[in-house]
Amino acid sequence: MPIPQNDDQTPAPRRLLRDVVYDKMFAAIIDGTLEFGERLNDDQLVAWLGVSRTPVREAIAKLADQALVDIEANRYTRIVDPSYDEFVDTVDVGYAVWSLFVERAVPKLDKAQRAEVVGLLDTRAKAFKAKKEEDIAGLVRANEILLAAADSESLTRLWSNTGPRLLLLLRRPSANGIFDYPQAHAFTVAFRDAVKADDAEAAAAAVREQPARLQGLFDQVREAGVYRA
């Protein structure tokens, strides 16, 4: 058999098993497969994920750092069960952190980065205008670009422990049919246009001021009992 020849493409980086496990568990938490307050059993997770105990425990430790899993030594490991007040606080704090790296990043974007972020936000805006769910991967990618451009280890660490919880607590109401598409569309358009215009102040303001525009959403979430009182 002929020996395969290497091509000029850079091989894709090999992902650690703990990261693969983390992604699967994170997705299961986001979509509700793993429910709020559900206790996690190592043996069940090992059987479900088809891996050894070590990457499972490493993934759980990362989820705990992101406040998605609660761990009480020798008692339990479980998915968080946020209260309504915690939901509102997470939104307020999460958008504040988001605005910090957006403001720093926007002036530092190169032409290609700016075009990619604008394109991703444009796709998001079109989905909301059509009253369709967004592609979460697109928003994650946009924020990865912005974080890299911001070039701040402190903000990167802060967002890594804030962004996932914000995403979870905002996604869970939509799984219950609660989502303000017009408001999400207006916000995304304002954010996109500010990034496109290289207006860091306007981009940061669009993000920072968004929680104040979500009172209608907050009321619906409280009335529906998505989060405990």
C-alpha atoms as a PDB file:
ATOM      1  CA  MET A   1       0.000   0.000   0.000  1.00  0.00           C
ATOM      2  CA  PRO A   2       1.424   3.434  -0.870  1.00  0.00           C
ATOM      3  CA  ILE A   3       2.463   5.496   2.108  1.00  0.00           C
ATOM      4  CA  PRO A   4       0.087   8.484   2.513  1.00  0.00           C
ATOM      5  CA  GLN A   5       1.744  11.794   1.755  1.00  0.00           C
ATOM      6  CA  ASN A   6       1.340  14.849   3.973  1.00  0.00           C
ATOM      7  CA  ASP A   7      -0.427  17.793   2.387  1.00  0.00           C
ATOM      8  CA  ASP A   8       0.215  21.442   3.124  1.00  0.00           C
ATOM      9  CA  GLN A   9      -2.728  21.821   5.466  1.00  0.00           C
ATOM     10  CA  THR A  10      -2.028  22.373   9.136  1.00  0.00           C
ATOM     11  CA  PRO A  11      -3.495  19.446  11.080  1.00  0.00           C
ATOM     12  CA  ALA A  12      -6.381  20.285  13.356  1.00  0.00           C
ATOM     13  CA  PRO A  13      -5.302  20.507  16.992  1.00  0.00           C
ATOM     14  CA  ARG A  14      -6.095  17.398  18.976  1.00  0.00           C
ATOM     15  CA  ARG A  15      -8.713  18.073  21.632  1.00  0.00           C
ATOM     16  CA  LEU A  16      -8.287  16.788  25.152  1.00  0.00           C
ATOM     17  CA  LEU A  17     -10.844  14.226  26.230  1.00  0.00           C
ATOM     18  CA  ARG A  18     -11.850  16.381  29.190  1.00  0.00           C
ATOM     19  CA  ASP A  19     -12.793  19.182  26.765  1.00  0.00           C
ATOM     20  CA  VAL A  20     -14.899  16.824  24.665  1.00  0.00           C
ATOM     21  CA  VAL A  21     -16.674  15.634  27.817  1.00  0.00           C
ATOM     22  CA  TYR A  22     -17.148  19.216  28.982  1.00  0.00           C
ATOM     23  CA  ASP A  23     -18.753  20.193  25.654  1.00  0.00           C
ATOM     24  CA  LYS A  24     -21.202  17.280  25.847  1.00  0.00           C
ATOM     25  CA  MET A  25     -22.146  18.027  29.439  1.00  0.00           C
ATOM     26  CA  PHE A  26     -22.434  21.762  28.776  1.00  0.00           C
ATOM     27  CA  ALA A  27     -24.758  21.136  25.818  1.00  0.00           C
ATOM     28  CA  ALA A  28     -26.868  18.785  27.962  1.00  0.00           C
ATOM     29  CA  ILE A  29     -27.199  21.451  30.648  1.00  0.00           C
ATOM     30  CA  ILE A  30     -28.068  24.167  28.132  1.00  0.00           C
ATOM     31  CA  ASP A  31     -30.791  22.132  26.394  1.00  0.00           C
ATOM     32  CA  GLY A  32     -32.271  20.810  29.635  1.00  0.00           C
ATOM     33  CA  THR A  33     -31.245  17.172  29.238  1.00  0.00           C
ATOM     34  CA  LEU A  34     -29.574  17.664  32.602  1.00  0.00           C
ATOM     35  CA  GLU A  35     -32.177  19.508  34.646  1.00  0.00           C
ATOM     36  CA  PHE A  36     -31.758  22.200  37.279  1.00  0.00           C
ATOM     37  CA  GLY A  37     -30.978  20.611  40.639  1.00  0.00           C
ATOM     38  CA  GLU A  38     -30.303  17.177  39.134  1.00  0.00           C
ATOM     39  CA  ARG A  39     -27.698  15.184  41.026  1.00  0.00           C
ATOM     40  CA  LEU A  40     -24.776  13.876  39.012  1.00  0.00           C
ATOM     41  CA  ASN A  41     -23.567  10.328  39.493  1.00  0.00           C
ATOM     42  CA  ASP A  42     -20.056   9.540  38.282  1.00  0.00           C
ATOM     43  CA  ASP A  43     -20.890   5.979  37.252  1.00  0.00           C
ATOM     44  CA  GLN A  44     -23.908   7.081  35.242  1.00  0.00           C
ATOM     45  CA  LEU A  45     -21.917   9.831  33.529  1.00  0.00           C
ATOM     46  CA  VAL A  46     -19.078   7.430  32.714  1.00  0.00           C
ATOM     47  CA  ALA A  47     -21.566   4.997  31.145  1.00  0.00           C
ATOM     48  CA  TRP A  48     -23.356   7.763  29.236  1.00  0.00           C
ATOM     49  CA  LEU A  49     -20.233   9.460  27.912  1.00  0.00           C
ATOM     50  CA  GLY A  50     -18.197   6.297  27.355  1.00  0.00           C
ATOM     51  CA  VAL A  51     -15.086   7.596  29.060  1.00  0.00           C
ATOM     52  CA  SER A  52     -13.156   7.016  32.260  1.00  0.00           C
ATOM     53  CA  ARG A  53     -13.888   8.791  35.514  1.00  0.00           C
ATOM     54  CA  THR A  54     -10.957  11.237  35.258  1.00  0.00           C
ATOM     55  CA  PRO A  55     -12.151  13.369  32.305  1.00  0.00           C
ATOM     56  CA  VAL A  56     -15.644  13.375  33.796  1.00  0.00           C
ATOM     57  CA  ARG A  57     -14.361  14.780  37.083  1.00  0.00           C
ATOM     58  CA  GLU A  58     -12.208  17.325  35.229  1.00  0.00           C
ATOM     59  CA  ALA A  59     -15.208  18.473  33.186  1.00  0.00           C
ATOM     60  CA  ILE A  60     -17.346  18.750  36.312  1.00  0.00           C
ATOM     61  CA  ALA A  61     -14.655  20.853  38.001  1.00  0.00           C
ATOM     62  CA  LYS A  62     -14.724  23.292  35.052  1.00  0.00           C
ATOM     63  CA  LEU A  63     -18.522  23.429  35.126  1.00  0.00           C
ATOM     64  CA  ALA A  64     -18.320  24.183  38.853  1.00  0.00           C
ATOM     65  CA  ASP A  65     -15.885  27.044  38.188  1.00  0.00           C
ATOM     66  CA  GLN A  66     -18.491  28.469  35.794  1.00  0.00           C
ATOM     67  CA  ALA A  67     -21.243  28.181  38.432  1.00  0.00           C
ATOM     68  CA  LEU A  68     -23.134  25.612  36.367  1.00  0.00           C
ATOM     69  CA  VAL A  69     -22.595  22.804  38.865  1.00  0.00           C
ATOM     70  CA  ASP A  70     -22.717  22.904  42.656  1.00  0.00           C
ATOM     71  CA  ILE A  71     -20.373  20.646  44.615  1.00  0.00           C
ATOM     72  CA  GLU A  72     -20.694  19.928  48.334  1.00  0.00           C
ATOM     73  CA  ALA A  73     -17.860  17.657  49.433  1.00  0.00           C
ATOM     74  CA  ASN A  74     -19.036  14.199  50.515  1.00  0.00           C
ATOM     75  CA  ARG A  75     -22.670  15.218  49.992  1.00  0.00           C
ATOM     76  CA  TYR A  76     -23.595  15.919  46.384  1.00  0.00           C
ATOM     77  CA  THR A  77     -22.651  17.134  42.942  1.00  0.00           C
ATOM     78  CA  ARG A  78     -25.596  18.617  41.094  1.00  0.00           C
ATOM     79  CA  ILE A  79     -26.658  21.004  38.364  1.00  0.00           C
ATOM     80  CA  VAL A  80     -27.328  24.485  39.730  1.00  0.00           C
ATOM     81  CA  ASP A  81     -30.878  25.431  40.650  1.00  0.00           C
ATOM     82  CA  PRO A  82     -30.926  29.246  40.334  1.00  0.00           C
ATOM     83  CA  SER A  83     -33.515  31.493  41.913  1.00  0.00           C
ATOM     84  CA  TYR A  84     -35.293  34.234  39.984  1.00  0.00           C
ATOM     85  CA  ASP A  85     -33.164  36.868  41.756  1.00  0.00           C
ATOM     86  CA  GLU A  86     -30.013  34.997  40.732  1.00  0.00           C
ATOM     87  CA  PHE A  87     -31.254  34.958  37.139  1.00  0.00           C
ATOM     88  CA  VAL A  88     -31.726  38.742  37.087  1.00  0.00           C
ATOM     89  CA  ASP A  89     -28.382  39.338  38.807  1.00  0.00           C
ATOM     90  CA  THR A  90     -26.577  37.040  36.369  1.00  0.00           C
ATOM     91  CA  VAL A  91     -28.016  38.961  33.417  1.00  0.00           C
ATOM     92  CA  ASP A  92     -27.007  42.319  34.922  1.00  0.00           C
ATOM     93  CA  VAL A  93     -23.460  41.212  35.740  1.00  0.00           C
ATOM     94  CA  GLY A  94     -22.994  39.177  32.575  1.00  0.00           C
ATOM     95  CA  TYR A  95     -23.861  42.031  30.234  1.00  0.00           C
ATOM     96  CA  ALA A  96     -21.642  44.390  32.244  1.00  0.00           C
ATOM     97  CA  VAL A  97     -18.644  42.066  31.789  1.00  0.00           C
ATOM     98  CA  TRP A  98     -19.525  41.552  28.119  1.00  0.00           C
ATOM     99  CA  SER A  99     -19.535  45.320  27.554  1.00  0.00           C
ATOM    100  CA  LEU A 100     -16.067  45.676  29.085  1.00  0.00           C
ATOM    101  CA  PHE A 101     -14.286  43.489  26.566  1.00  0.00           C
ATOM    102  CA  VAL A 102     -16.448  44.718  23.683  1.00  0.00           C
ATOM    103  CA  GLU A 103     -15.390  48.307  24.341  1.00  0.00           C
ATOM    104  CA  ARG A 104     -11.733  47.356  24.460  1.00  0.00           C
ATOM    105  CA  ALA A 105     -11.901  45.028  21.460  1.00  0.00           C
ATOM    106  CA  VAL A 106     -13.799  47.006  18.827  1.00  0.00           C
ATOM    107  CA  PRO A 107     -11.019  49.528  18.019  1.00  0.00           C
ATOM    108  CA  LYS A 108      -8.454  46.698  17.829  1.00  0.00           C
ATOM    109  CA  LEU A 109     -10.269  44.524  15.303  1.00  0.00           C
ATOM    110  CA  ASP A 110      -8.501  44.138  11.985  1.00  0.00           C
ATOM    111  CA  LYS A 111     -10.456  44.213   8.733  1.00  0.00           C
ATOM    112  CA  ALA A 112     -11.002  40.458   8.587  1.00  0.00           C
ATOM    113  CA  GLN A 113     -11.995  40.169  12.240  1.00  0.00           C
ATOM    114  CA  ARG A 114     -14.456  43.047  11.965  1.00  0.00           C
ATOM    115  CA  ALA A 115     -16.023  41.561   8.850  1.00  0.00           C
ATOM    116  CA  GLU A 116     -16.429  38.173  10.542  1.00  0.00           C
ATOM    117  CA  VAL A 117     -18.001  39.616  13.705  1.00  0.00           C
ATOM    118  CA  VAL A 118     -20.362  41.811  11.659  1.00  0.00           C
ATOM    119  CA  GLY A 119     -21.333  38.832   9.522  1.00  0.00           C
ATOM    120  CA  LEU A 120     -22.038  36.658  12.556  1.00  0.00           C
ATOM    121  CA  LEU A 121     -24.143  39.375  14.177  1.00  0.00           C
ATOM    122  CA  ASP A 122     -25.982  39.963  10.898  1.00  0.00           C
ATOM    123  CA  THR A 123     -26.880  36.265  10.738  1.00  0.00           C
ATOM    124  CA  ARG A 124     -28.088  36.470  14.330  1.00  0.00           C
ATOM    125  CA  ALA A 125     -30.228  39.532  13.564  1.00  0.00           C
ATOM    126  CA  LYS A 126     -31.812  37.819  10.551  1.00  0.00           C
ATOM    127  CA  ALA A 127     -32.722  34.781  12.659  1.00  0.00           C
ATOM    128  CA  PHE A 128     -34.419  36.956  15.276  1.00  0.00           C
ATOM    129  CA  LYS A 129     -36.253  38.978  12.629  1.00  0.00           C
ATOM    130  CA  ALA A 130     -37.661  35.705  11.303  1.00  0.00           C
ATOM    131  CA  LYS A 131     -38.476  34.657  14.886  1.00  0.00           C
ATOM    132  CA  LYS A 132     -36.107  31.718  14.702  1.00  0.00           C
ATOM    133  CA  GLU A 133     -33.574  30.519  17.267  1.00  0.00           C
ATOM    134  CA  GLU A 134     -30.066  31.773  16.763  1.00  0.00           C
ATOM    135  CA  ASP A 135     -27.053  29.590  16.117  1.00  0.00           C
ATOM    136  CA  ILE A 136     -25.355  29.788  19.516  1.00  0.00           C
ATOM    137  CA  ALA A 137     -22.055  28.769  17.953  1.00  0.00           C
ATOM    138  CA  GLY A 138     -22.083  31.994  15.955  1.00  0.00           C
ATOM    139  CA  LEU A 139     -22.382  34.190  19.032  1.00  0.00           C
ATOM    140  CA  VAL A 140     -19.698  32.173  20.819  1.00  0.00           C
ATOM    141  CA  ARG A 141     -17.391  32.632  17.833  1.00  0.00           C
ATOM    142  CA  ALA A 142     -18.025  36.388  17.716  1.00  0.00           C
ATOM    143  CA  ASN A 143     -17.136  36.705  21.374  1.00  0.00           C
ATOM    144  CA  GLU A 144     -14.004  34.606  20.895  1.00  0.00           C
ATOM    145  CA  ILE A 145     -12.836  37.084  18.263  1.00  0.00           C
ATOM    146  CA  LEU A 146     -13.673  40.054  20.476  1.00  0.00           C
ATOM    147  CA  LEU A 147     -11.919  38.560  23.489  1.00  0.00           C
ATOM    148  CA  ALA A 148      -8.807  37.838  21.467  1.00  0.00           C
ATOM    149  CA  ALA A 149      -8.797  41.414  20.155  1.00  0.00           C
ATOM    150  CA  ALA A 150      -9.310  42.832  23.661  1.00  0.00           C
ATOM    151  CA  ASP A 151      -6.077  41.073  24.629  1.00  0.00           C
ATOM    152  CA  SER A 152      -6.789  41.003  28.360  1.00  0.00           C
ATOM    153  CA  GLU A 153      -6.084  37.907  30.412  1.00  0.00           C
ATOM    154  CA  SER A 154      -8.189  39.302  33.247  1.00  0.00           C
ATOM    155  CA  LEU A 155     -11.240  39.870  31.040  1.00  0.00           C
ATOM    156  CA  THR A 156     -10.780  36.484  29.380  1.00  0.00           C
ATOM    157  CA  ARG A 157     -10.773  34.746  32.755  1.00  0.00           C
ATOM    158  CA  LEU A 158     -13.696  36.817  33.974  1.00  0.00           C
ATOM    159  CA  TRP A 159     -15.784  36.018  30.901  1.00  0.00           C
ATOM    160  CA  SER A 160     -14.896  32.308  31.013  1.00  0.00           C
ATOM    161  CA  ASN A 161     -16.544  32.190  34.446  1.00  0.00           C
ATOM    162  CA  THR A 162     -19.438  34.500  33.523  1.00  0.00           C
ATOM    163  CA  GLY A 163     -20.405  33.857  29.916  1.00  0.00           C
ATOM    164  CA  PRO A 164     -21.478  30.188  30.233  1.00  0.00           C
ATOM    165  CA  ARG A 165     -23.800  30.886  33.183  1.00  0.00           C
ATOM    166  CA  LEU A 166     -25.288  33.895  31.377  1.00  0.00           C
ATOM    167  CA  LEU A 167     -25.902  31.739  28.320  1.00  0.00           C
ATOM    168  CA  LEU A 168     -27.546  29.002  30.380  1.00  0.00           C
ATOM    169  CA  LEU A 169     -29.868  31.296  32.294  1.00  0.00           C
ATOM    170  CA  LEU A 170     -30.964  33.148  29.154  1.00  0.00           C
ATOM    171  CA  ARG A 171     -31.432  29.984  27.089  1.00  0.00           C
ATOM    172  CA  ARG A 172     -33.588  28.137  29.613  1.00  0.00           C
ATOM    173  CA  PRO A 173     -36.559  30.556  29.347  1.00  0.00           C
ATOM    174  CA  SER A 174     -36.492  30.203  25.546  1.00  0.00           C
ATOM    175  CA  ALA A 175     -36.789  26.440  26.003  1.00  0.00           C
ATOM    176  CA  ASN A 176     -40.033  27.277  27.820  1.00  0.00           C
ATOM    177  CA  GLY A 177     -41.268  29.403  24.917  1.00  0.00           C
ATOM    178  CA  ILE A 178     -40.272  32.708  26.505  1.00  0.00           C
ATOM    179  CA  PHE A 179     -38.205  34.927  24.229  1.00  0.00           C
ATOM    180  CA  ASP A 180     -38.525  38.562  23.116  1.00  0.00           C
ATOM    181  CA  TYR A 181     -37.579  38.349  19.438  1.00  0.00           C
ATOM    182  CA  PRO A 182     -38.180  42.052  18.610  1.00  0.00           C
ATOM    183  CA  GLN A 183     -35.981  43.187  21.484  1.00  0.00           C
ATOM    184  CA  ALA A 184     -33.265  40.666  20.647  1.00  0.00           C
ATOM    185  CA  HIS A 185     -33.358  41.796  17.012  1.00  0.00           C
ATOM    186  CA  ALA A 186     -33.131  45.498  17.907  1.00  0.00           C
ATOM    187  CA  PHE A 187     -30.216  44.868  20.258  1.00  0.00           C
ATOM    188  CA  THR A 188     -28.301  42.747  17.751  1.00  0.00           C
ATOM    189  CA  VAL A 189     -28.770  45.312  14.962  1.00  0.00           C
ATOM    190  CA  ALA A 190     -27.507  48.136  17.209  1.00  0.00           C
ATOM    191  CA  PHE A 191     -24.545  46.033  18.310  1.00  0.00           C
ATOM    192  CA  ARG A 192     -23.728  44.984  14.734  1.00  0.00           C
ATOM    193  CA  ASP A 193     -23.925  48.517  13.376  1.00  0.00           C
ATOM    194  CA  ALA A 194     -21.661  49.873  16.122  1.00  0.00           C
ATOM    195  CA  VAL A 195     -19.029  47.207  15.485  1.00  0.00           C
ATOM    196  CA  LYS A 196     -19.235  47.847  11.747  1.00  0.00           C
ATOM    197  CA  ALA A 197     -18.761  51.594  12.319  1.00  0.00           C
ATOM    198  CA  ASP A 198     -15.804  50.989  14.654  1.00  0.00           C
ATOM    199  CA  ASP A 199     -17.726  52.800  17.391  1.00  0.00           C
ATOM    200  CA  ALA A 200     -16.502  51.162  20.604  1.00  0.00           C
ATOM    201  CA  GLU A 201     -18.551  53.410  22.875  1.00  0.00           C
ATOM    202  CA  ALA A 202     -21.813  52.681  21.068  1.00  0.00           C
ATOM    203  CA  ALA A 203     -21.087  48.938  20.925  1.00  0.00           C
ATOM    204  CA  ALA A 204     -20.362  48.790  24.651  1.00  0.00           C
ATOM    205  CA  ALA A 205     -23.438  50.897  25.453  1.00  0.00           C
ATOM    206  CA  ALA A 206     -25.682  48.600  23.394  1.00  0.00           C
ATOM    207  CA  VAL A 207     -24.504  45.635  25.461  1.00  0.00           C
ATOM    208  CA  ARG A 208     -24.340  47.366  28.834  1.00  0.00           C
ATOM    209  CA  GLU A 209     -27.827  48.881  28.585  1.00  0.00           C
ATOM    210  CA  GLN A 210     -29.581  45.757  27.319  1.00  0.00           C
ATOM    211  CA  PRO A 211     -30.656  44.361  30.740  1.00  0.00           C
ATOM    212  CA  ALA A 212     -32.681  47.537  31.361  1.00  0.00           C
ATOM    213  CA  ARG A 213     -34.690  46.720  28.233  1.00  0.00           C
ATOM    214  CA  LEU A 214     -35.540  43.202  29.368  1.00  0.00           C
ATOM    215  CA  GLN A 215     -38.075  43.930  32.095  1.00  0.00           C
ATOM    216  CA  GLY A 216     -40.846  42.399  30.001  1.00  0.00           C
ATOM    217  CA  LEU A 217     -38.816  39.203  29.661  1.00  0.00           C
ATOM    218  CA  PHE A 218     -38.039  39.195  33.378  1.00  0.00           C
ATOM    219  CA  ASP A 219     -41.745  39.496  34.203  1.00  0.00           C
ATOM    220  CA  GLN A 220     -42.638  36.578  31.924  1.00  0.00           C
ATOM    221  CA  VAL A 221     -39.914  34.412  33.422  1.00  0.00           C
ATOM    222  CA  ARG A 222     -41.097  35.154  36.962  1.00  0.00           C
ATOM    223  CA  GLU A 223     -44.736  34.508  36.127  1.00  0.00           C
ATOM    224  CA  ALA A 224     -43.916  31.231  34.373  1.00  0.00           C
ATOM    225  CA  GLY A 225     -41.892  29.995  37.354  1.00  0.00           C
ATOM    226  CA  VAL A 226     -38.891  29.098  35.229  1.00  0.00           C
ATOM    227  CA  TYR A 227     -36.689  29.789  38.246  1.00  0.00           C
ATOM    228  CA  ARG A 228     -37.534  29.177  41.878  1.00  0.00           C
ATOM    229  CA  ALA A 229     -38.709  32.136  43.932  1.00  0.00           C
END
